[in-house]
Amino acid sequence: MAWRRVEQGGVPVNRPILVRTIEGDAPVVAFLSNEQIWYSGGALVQNSTTVLGATPTEWCEPQGEERL
């Protein structure tokens, strides 16, 4: 997987991707909304219970078996 820094831009919007909040942590599925709010999960559900608890620092496109 090719991890990219969130601050460098280019994060896909409204599409499930893998993210990490701390370098080296296990990745989780999340997505960035049009409003620039991070939500957890791959179902694109936007509500207060799905808001990601921490801002991701890295992201990558899922590959192979990790494909969503």
PDB file of N, CA and C in Angstrom:
ATOM      1  N   MET A   1       0.841  -1.188   0.000  1.00  0.00           N
ATOM      2  CA  MET A   1       0.000   0.000   0.000  1.00  0.00           C
ATOM      3  C   MET A   1       0.880   1.243   0.000  1.00  0.00           C
ATOM      4  N   ALA A   2       0.475   2.205  -0.772  1.00  0.00           N
ATOM      5  CA  ALA A   2       1.199   3.470  -0.821  1.00  0.00           C
ATOM      6  C   ALA A   2       0.452   4.499   0.030  1.00  0.00           C
ATOM      7  N   TRP A   3       0.948   4.716   1.238  1.00  0.00           N
ATOM      8  CA  TRP A   3       0.313   5.676   2.142  1.00  0.00           C
ATOM      9  C   TRP A   3       0.703   7.093   1.748  1.00  0.00           C
ATOM     10  N   ARG A   4      -0.302   7.993   1.822  1.00  0.00           N
ATOM     11  CA  ARG A   4      -0.081   9.412   1.509  1.00  0.00           C
ATOM     12  C   ARG A   4      -0.508  10.254   2.698  1.00  0.00           C
ATOM     13  N   ARG A   5       0.136  11.373   2.866  1.00  0.00           N
ATOM     14  CA  ARG A   5      -0.198  12.288   3.962  1.00  0.00           C
ATOM     15  C   ARG A   5      -1.463  13.066   3.600  1.00  0.00           C
ATOM     16  N   VAL A   6      -2.392  13.176   4.540  1.00  0.00           N
ATOM     17  CA  VAL A   6      -3.647  13.890   4.315  1.00  0.00           C
ATOM     18  C   VAL A   6      -3.382  15.358   3.985  1.00  0.00           C
ATOM     19  N   GLU A   7      -2.415  15.975   4.671  1.00  0.00           N
ATOM     20  CA  GLU A   7      -2.170  17.407   4.458  1.00  0.00           C
ATOM     21  C   GLU A   7      -1.649  17.713   3.060  1.00  0.00           C
ATOM     22  N   GLN A   8      -1.214  16.700   2.320  1.00  0.00           N
ATOM     23  CA  GLN A   8      -0.737  16.911   0.957  1.00  0.00           C
ATOM     24  C   GLN A   8      -1.882  16.995  -0.046  1.00  0.00           C
ATOM     25  N   GLY A   9      -3.094  16.739   0.412  1.00  0.00           N
ATOM     26  CA  GLY A   9      -4.263  16.853  -0.458  1.00  0.00           C
ATOM     27  C   GLY A   9      -4.475  15.617  -1.308  1.00  0.00           C
ATOM     28  N   GLY A  10      -5.451  15.715  -2.208  1.00  0.00           N
ATOM     29  CA  GLY A  10      -5.758  14.630  -3.112  1.00  0.00           C
ATOM     30  C   GLY A  10      -6.605  13.519  -2.508  1.00  0.00           C
ATOM     31  N   VAL A  11      -7.154  13.736  -1.302  1.00  0.00           N
ATOM     32  CA  VAL A  11      -7.981  12.712  -0.658  1.00  0.00           C
ATOM     33  C   VAL A  11      -9.315  12.617  -1.405  1.00  0.00           C
ATOM     34  N   PRO A  12      -9.718  11.415  -1.836  1.00  0.00           N
ATOM     35  CA  PRO A  12     -11.011  11.264  -2.513  1.00  0.00           C
ATOM     36  C   PRO A  12     -12.160  11.643  -1.585  1.00  0.00           C
ATOM     37  N   VAL A  13     -13.185  12.261  -2.135  1.00  0.00           N
ATOM     38  CA  VAL A  13     -14.351  12.676  -1.360  1.00  0.00           C
ATOM     39  C   VAL A  13     -15.493  11.694  -1.633  1.00  0.00           C
ATOM     40  N   ASN A  14     -16.225  11.359  -0.571  1.00  0.00           N
ATOM     41  CA  ASN A  14     -17.385  10.464  -0.650  1.00  0.00           C
ATOM     42  C   ASN A  14     -17.060   9.114  -1.273  1.00  0.00           C
ATOM     43  N   ARG A  15     -15.881   8.580  -0.916  1.00  0.00           N
ATOM     44  CA  ARG A  15     -15.491   7.245  -1.365  1.00  0.00           C
ATOM     45  C   ARG A  15     -14.727   6.569  -0.230  1.00  0.00           C
ATOM     46  N   PRO A  16     -15.116   5.361   0.142  1.00  0.00           N
ATOM     47  CA  PRO A  16     -14.412   4.676   1.232  1.00  0.00           C
ATOM     48  C   PRO A  16     -12.934   4.453   0.896  1.00  0.00           C
ATOM     49  N   ILE A  17     -12.077   4.771   1.850  1.00  0.00           N
ATOM     50  CA  ILE A  17     -10.635   4.567   1.719  1.00  0.00           C
ATOM     51  C   ILE A  17     -10.105   4.043   3.055  1.00  0.00           C
ATOM     52  N   LEU A  18      -8.857   3.649   3.086  1.00  0.00           N
ATOM     53  CA  LEU A  18      -8.221   3.244   4.333  1.00  0.00           C
ATOM     54  C   LEU A  18      -7.486   4.446   4.911  1.00  0.00           C
ATOM     55  N   VAL A  19      -7.623   4.655   6.211  1.00  0.00           N
ATOM     56  CA  VAL A  19      -6.953   5.773   6.871  1.00  0.00           C
ATOM     57  C   VAL A  19      -6.268   5.299   8.144  1.00  0.00           C
ATOM     58  N   ARG A  20      -5.271   6.058   8.570  1.00  0.00           N
ATOM     59  CA  ARG A  20      -4.607   5.857   9.868  1.00  0.00           C
ATOM     60  C   ARG A  20      -4.539   7.215  10.551  1.00  0.00           C
ATOM     61  N   THR A  21      -4.773   7.208  11.868  1.00  0.00           N
ATOM     62  CA  THR A  21      -4.668   8.457  12.623  1.00  0.00           C
ATOM     63  C   THR A  21      -3.280   8.633  13.207  1.00  0.00           C
ATOM     64  N   ILE A  22      -2.555   7.530  13.368  1.00  0.00           N
ATOM     65  CA  ILE A  22      -1.171   7.554  13.858  1.00  0.00           C
ATOM     66  C   ILE A  22      -0.367   6.641  12.950  1.00  0.00           C
ATOM     67  N   GLU A  23       0.783   7.124  12.496  1.00  0.00           N
ATOM     68  CA  GLU A  23       1.611   6.325  11.599  1.00  0.00           C
ATOM     69  C   GLU A  23       1.915   4.971  12.227  1.00  0.00           C
ATOM     70  N   GLY A  24       1.701   3.926  11.468  1.00  0.00           N
ATOM     71  CA  GLY A  24       1.960   2.585  11.942  1.00  0.00           C
ATOM     72  C   GLY A  24       0.759   1.897  12.575  1.00  0.00           C
ATOM     73  N   ASP A  25      -0.302   2.642  12.899  1.00  0.00           N
ATOM     74  CA  ASP A  25      -1.512   2.030  13.454  1.00  0.00           C
ATOM     75  C   ASP A  25      -2.217   1.202  12.393  1.00  0.00           C
ATOM     76  N   ALA A  26      -3.071   0.305  12.835  1.00  0.00           N
ATOM     77  CA  ALA A  26      -3.878  -0.483  11.904  1.00  0.00           C
ATOM     78  C   ALA A  26      -4.835   0.449  11.161  1.00  0.00           C
ATOM     79  N   PRO A  27      -4.978   0.269   9.865  1.00  0.00           N
ATOM     80  CA  PRO A  27      -5.880   1.130   9.094  1.00  0.00           C
ATOM     81  C   PRO A  27      -7.348   0.821   9.381  1.00  0.00           C
ATOM     82  N   VAL A  28      -8.184   1.829   9.211  1.00  0.00           N
ATOM     83  CA  VAL A  28      -9.635   1.670   9.316  1.00  0.00           C
ATOM     84  C   VAL A  28     -10.269   2.226   8.053  1.00  0.00           C
ATOM     85  N   VAL A  29     -11.475   1.773   7.757  1.00  0.00           N
ATOM     86  CA  VAL A  29     -12.220   2.278   6.607  1.00  0.00           C
ATOM     87  C   VAL A  29     -12.922   3.563   7.020  1.00  0.00           C
ATOM     88  N   ALA A  30     -12.782   4.584   6.195  1.00  0.00           N
ATOM     89  CA  ALA A  30     -13.431   5.867   6.464  1.00  0.00           C
ATOM     90  C   ALA A  30     -13.648   6.593   5.143  1.00  0.00           C
ATOM     91  N   PHE A  31     -14.385   7.701   5.205  1.00  0.00           N
ATOM     92  CA  PHE A  31     -14.540   8.540   4.025  1.00  0.00           C
ATOM     93  C   PHE A  31     -14.658   9.997   4.439  1.00  0.00           C
ATOM     94  N   LEU A  32     -14.264  10.868   3.543  1.00  0.00           N
ATOM     95  CA  LEU A  32     -14.316  12.311   3.751  1.00  0.00           C
ATOM     96  C   LEU A  32     -15.536  12.850   3.023  1.00  0.00           C
ATOM     97  N   SER A  33     -16.398  13.574   3.724  1.00  0.00           N
ATOM     98  CA  SER A  33     -17.610  14.121   3.118  1.00  0.00           C
ATOM     99  C   SER A  33     -17.300  15.411   2.359  1.00  0.00           C
ATOM    100  N   ASN A  34     -18.274  15.879   1.593  1.00  0.00           N
ATOM    101  CA  ASN A  34     -18.146  17.151   0.889  1.00  0.00           C
ATOM    102  C   ASN A  34     -17.878  18.300   1.853  1.00  0.00           C
ATOM    103  N   GLU A  35     -18.359  18.162   3.086  1.00  0.00           N
ATOM    104  CA  GLU A  35     -18.195  19.199   4.105  1.00  0.00           C
ATOM    105  C   GLU A  35     -16.855  19.091   4.823  1.00  0.00           C
ATOM    106  N   GLN A  36     -15.984  18.175   4.357  1.00  0.00           N
ATOM    107  CA  GLN A  36     -14.656  17.956   4.930  1.00  0.00           C
ATOM    108  C   GLN A  36     -14.714  17.388   6.344  1.00  0.00           C
ATOM    109  N   ILE A  37     -15.720  16.538   6.597  1.00  0.00           N
ATOM    110  CA  ILE A  37     -15.861  15.834   7.868  1.00  0.00           C
ATOM    111  C   ILE A  37     -15.546  14.367   7.608  1.00  0.00           C
ATOM    112  N   TRP A  38     -14.717  13.763   8.475  1.00  0.00           N
ATOM    113  CA  TRP A  38     -14.357  12.355   8.345  1.00  0.00           C
ATOM    114  C   TRP A  38     -15.391  11.486   9.042  1.00  0.00           C
ATOM    115  N   TYR A  39     -15.857  10.444   8.344  1.00  0.00           N
ATOM    116  CA  TYR A  39     -16.809   9.481   8.891  1.00  0.00           C
ATOM    117  C   TYR A  39     -16.209   8.085   8.823  1.00  0.00           C
ATOM    118  N   SER A  40     -16.545   7.247   9.785  1.00  0.00           N
ATOM    119  CA  SER A  40     -16.023   5.879   9.801  1.00  0.00           C
ATOM    120  C   SER A  40     -16.939   4.961   9.001  1.00  0.00           C
ATOM    121  N   GLY A  41     -16.363   3.877   8.512  1.00  0.00           N
ATOM    122  CA  GLY A  41     -17.124   2.873   7.788  1.00  0.00           C
ATOM    123  C   GLY A  41     -17.160   3.113   6.300  1.00  0.00           C
ATOM    124  N   GLY A  42     -17.652   2.126   5.587  1.00  0.00           N
ATOM    125  CA  GLY A  42     -17.695   2.200   4.137  1.00  0.00           C
ATOM    126  C   GLY A  42     -19.075   2.411   3.573  1.00  0.00           C
ATOM    127  N   ALA A  43     -20.082   2.581   4.428  1.00  0.00           N
ATOM    128  CA  ALA A  43     -21.461   2.678   3.958  1.00  0.00           C
ATOM    129  C   ALA A  43     -21.872   4.098   3.582  1.00  0.00           C
ATOM    130  N   LEU A  44     -20.981   5.066   3.732  1.00  0.00           N
ATOM    131  CA  LEU A  44     -21.253   6.471   3.429  1.00  0.00           C
ATOM    132  C   LEU A  44     -22.435   7.022   4.234  1.00  0.00           C
ATOM    133  N   VAL A  45     -22.563   6.550   5.475  1.00  0.00           N
ATOM    134  CA  VAL A  45     -23.598   7.053   6.382  1.00  0.00           C
ATOM    135  C   VAL A  45     -23.042   8.260   7.117  1.00  0.00           C
ATOM    136  N   GLN A  46     -23.733   9.383   6.991  1.00  0.00           N
ATOM    137  CA  GLN A  46     -23.265  10.614   7.619  1.00  0.00           C
ATOM    138  C   GLN A  46     -24.199  11.006   8.749  1.00  0.00           C
ATOM    139  N   ASN A  47     -23.788  10.684   9.986  1.00  0.00           N
ATOM    140  CA  ASN A  47     -24.523  11.146  11.155  1.00  0.00           C
ATOM    141  C   ASN A  47     -23.559  11.228  12.328  1.00  0.00           C
ATOM    142  N   SER A  48     -24.044  11.717  13.442  1.00  0.00           N
ATOM    143  CA  SER A  48     -23.152  11.968  14.576  1.00  0.00           C
ATOM    144  C   SER A  48     -22.534  10.692  15.135  1.00  0.00           C
ATOM    145  N   THR A  49     -23.154   9.545  14.936  1.00  0.00           N
ATOM    146  CA  THR A  49     -22.592   8.304  15.474  1.00  0.00           C
ATOM    147  C   THR A  49     -21.495   7.725  14.589  1.00  0.00           C
ATOM    148  N   THR A  50     -21.379   8.207  13.350  1.00  0.00           N
ATOM    149  CA  THR A  50     -20.346   7.676  12.463  1.00  0.00           C
ATOM    150  C   THR A  50     -19.179   8.638  12.267  1.00  0.00           C
ATOM    151  N   VAL A  51     -19.180   9.777  12.969  1.00  0.00           N
ATOM    152  CA  VAL A  51     -18.056  10.716  12.855  1.00  0.00           C
ATOM    153  C   VAL A  51     -16.804  10.022  13.382  1.00  0.00           C
ATOM    154  N   LEU A  52     -15.728  10.098  12.617  1.00  0.00           N
ATOM    155  CA  LEU A  52     -14.469   9.469  13.013  1.00  0.00           C
ATOM    156  C   LEU A  52     -13.928  10.178  14.249  1.00  0.00           C
ATOM    157  N   GLY A  53     -13.468   9.418  15.229  1.00  0.00           N
ATOM    158  CA  GLY A  53     -13.042   9.961  16.516  1.00  0.00           C
ATOM    159  C   GLY A  53     -11.781  10.806  16.473  1.00  0.00           C
ATOM    160  N   ALA A  54     -10.953  10.656  15.450  1.00  0.00           N
ATOM    161  CA  ALA A  54      -9.708  11.420  15.333  1.00  0.00           C
ATOM    162  C   ALA A  54      -9.481  11.750  13.863  1.00  0.00           C
ATOM    163  N   THR A  55      -8.782  12.816  13.614  1.00  0.00           N
ATOM    164  CA  THR A  55      -8.502  13.211  12.240  1.00  0.00           C
ATOM    165  C   THR A  55      -7.376  12.356  11.669  1.00  0.00           C
ATOM    166  N   PRO A  56      -7.619  11.703  10.536  1.00  0.00           N
ATOM    167  CA  PRO A  56      -6.573  10.879   9.924  1.00  0.00           C
ATOM    168  C   PRO A  56      -5.368  11.705   9.493  1.00  0.00           C
ATOM    169  N   THR A  57      -4.196  11.085   9.567  1.00  0.00           N
ATOM    170  CA  THR A  57      -2.965  11.727   9.102  1.00  0.00           C
ATOM    171  C   THR A  57      -2.503  11.133   7.789  1.00  0.00           C
ATOM    172  N   GLU A  58      -2.921   9.879   7.510  1.00  0.00           N
ATOM    173  CA  GLU A  58      -2.514   9.202   6.283  1.00  0.00           C
ATOM    174  C   GLU A  58      -3.702   8.471   5.670  1.00  0.00           C
ATOM    175  N   TRP A  59      -3.646   8.279   4.357  1.00  0.00           N
ATOM    176  CA  TRP A  59      -4.701   7.538   3.679  1.00  0.00           C
ATOM    177  C   TRP A  59      -4.103   6.757   2.510  1.00  0.00           C
ATOM    178  N   CYS A  60      -4.834   5.740   2.067  1.00  0.00           N
ATOM    179  CA  CYS A  60      -4.438   5.003   0.864  1.00  0.00           C
ATOM    180  C   CYS A  60      -5.659   4.339   0.258  1.00  0.00           C
ATOM    181  N   GLU A  61      -5.522   4.022  -1.020  1.00  0.00           N
ATOM    182  CA  GLU A  61      -6.562   3.288  -1.733  1.00  0.00           C
ATOM    183  C   GLU A  61      -6.438   1.822  -1.343  1.00  0.00           C
ATOM    184  N   PRO A  62      -7.552   1.159  -1.044  1.00  0.00           N
ATOM    185  CA  PRO A  62      -7.480  -0.270  -0.742  1.00  0.00           C
ATOM    186  C   PRO A  62      -7.075  -1.063  -1.985  1.00  0.00           C
ATOM    187  N   GLN A  63      -6.275  -2.097  -1.783  1.00  0.00           N
ATOM    188  CA  GLN A  63      -5.781  -2.923  -2.891  1.00  0.00           C
ATOM    189  C   GLN A  63      -6.070  -4.390  -2.607  1.00  0.00           C
ATOM    190  N   GLY A  64      -6.172  -5.187  -3.647  1.00  0.00           N
ATOM    191  CA  GLY A  64      -6.311  -6.635  -3.517  1.00  0.00           C
ATOM    192  C   GLY A  64      -7.440  -7.052  -2.595  1.00  0.00           C
ATOM    193  N   GLU A  65      -7.093  -7.867  -1.595  1.00  0.00           N
ATOM    194  CA  GLU A  65      -8.111  -8.381  -0.663  1.00  0.00           C
ATOM    195  C   GLU A  65      -8.710  -7.299   0.202  1.00  0.00           C
ATOM    196  N   GLU A  66      -8.061  -6.161   0.315  1.00  0.00           N
ATOM    197  CA  GLU A  66      -8.577  -5.068   1.154  1.00  0.00           C
ATOM    198  C   GLU A  66      -9.569  -4.208   0.390  1.00  0.00           C
ATOM    199  N   ARG A  67      -9.732  -4.483  -0.884  1.00  0.00           N
ATOM    200  CA  ARG A  67     -10.651  -3.689  -1.696  1.00  0.00           C
ATOM    201  C   ARG A  67     -12.040  -3.692  -1.069  1.00  0.00           C
ATOM    202  N   LEU A  68     -12.691  -2.548  -1.024  1.00  0.00           N
ATOM    203  CA  LEU A  68     -13.995  -2.424  -0.344  1.00  0.00           C
ATOM    204  C   LEU A  68     -15.137  -2.759  -1.257  1.00  0.00           C
TER     205      LEU A  68
END
